[in-house]
Amino acid sequence: MDKLEATQRVLRFSTSTRNWCEKEEKVFFGDLDNENVINYRDGGYGELADLILKKGIEEGVIDEDDID
């Protein structure tokens, strides 16, 4: 699955990661799109998406091999 799909899956199935993202980072499910999850410059969510994926892997929501 692509990075956006994997990130959305983690946010959908991990309450703790979703709550962290919404409360600490002020970023919500609908704020992410194909462009900003790969954007590492100002205004992009590339680094945040990487953190979400890392948390998802640690929690067993996704497998590292699932991500393209």
Protein backbone atom coordinates (compact mmCIF):
# COMPACT_ATOMS: atom_id res chain seq x y z
CA MET A 1 0.00 0.00 0.00
CA ASP A 2 1.17 3.54 -0.59
CA LYS A 3 2.25 5.90 2.18
CA LEU A 4 -1.10 7.71 2.40
CA GLU A 5 -3.08 4.48 2.63
CA ALA A 6 -0.75 3.08 5.28
CA THR A 7 -0.90 6.31 7.30
CA GLN A 8 -4.68 6.38 7.11
CA ARG A 9 -4.88 2.73 8.17
CA VAL A 10 -2.83 3.44 11.29
CA LEU A 11 -4.99 6.44 12.17
CA ARG A 12 -8.15 4.43 11.57
CA PHE A 13 -7.18 1.41 13.68
CA SER A 14 -4.92 2.88 16.39
CA THR A 15 -6.83 4.99 18.85
CA SER A 16 -3.69 5.99 20.74
CA THR A 17 -1.89 7.18 17.60
CA ARG A 18 -4.99 8.98 16.31
CA ASN A 19 -5.47 10.73 19.68
CA TRP A 20 -1.77 11.71 19.79
CA CYS A 21 -1.92 13.06 16.24
CA GLU A 22 -5.09 15.07 16.86
CA LYS A 23 -4.25 16.40 20.33
CA GLU A 24 -0.49 16.91 20.13
CA GLU A 25 0.05 17.59 16.43
CA LYS A 26 -3.36 19.12 15.63
CA VAL A 27 -3.54 17.07 12.42
CA PHE A 28 -6.65 15.10 11.55
CA PHE A 29 -7.35 12.17 9.22
CA GLY A 30 -8.76 14.41 6.49
CA ASP A 31 -5.76 16.74 6.56
CA LEU A 32 -3.52 14.13 4.92
CA ASP A 33 -3.32 13.61 1.17
CA ASN A 34 -1.02 12.00 -1.40
CA GLU A 35 1.05 15.15 -1.76
CA ASN A 36 1.61 16.28 1.80
CA VAL A 37 2.53 12.84 3.24
CA ILE A 38 5.61 12.85 0.99
CA ASN A 39 6.40 16.55 1.47
CA TYR A 40 9.23 17.11 3.96
CA ARG A 41 9.31 20.90 3.53
CA ASP A 42 7.33 23.53 5.43
CA GLY A 43 3.64 22.80 5.22
CA GLY A 44 4.16 19.12 4.50
CA TYR A 45 3.43 16.17 6.74
CA GLY A 46 6.21 13.84 5.55
CA GLU A 47 7.95 13.62 8.92
CA LEU A 48 4.65 13.30 10.78
CA ALA A 49 3.51 10.55 8.42
CA ASP A 50 6.78 8.72 9.08
CA LEU A 51 6.14 8.95 12.84
CA ILE A 52 2.56 7.70 12.41
CA LEU A 53 3.84 4.74 10.38
CA LYS A 54 6.52 3.99 12.97
CA LYS A 55 3.91 3.98 15.73
CA GLY A 56 1.65 1.77 13.62
CA ILE A 57 4.44 -0.74 13.06
CA GLU A 58 5.34 -0.75 16.77
CA GLU A 59 1.67 -1.35 17.68
CA GLY A 60 1.28 -4.09 15.07
CA VAL A 61 -1.37 -2.21 13.09
CA ILE A 62 0.70 -2.52 9.92
CA ASP A 63 3.77 -4.44 8.85
CA GLU A 64 6.82 -2.64 7.49
CA ASP A 65 6.56 -4.92 4.44
CA ASP A 66 3.04 -3.61 3.74
CA ILE A 67 4.35 -0.17 2.72
CA ASP A 68 5.44 0.42 -0.88
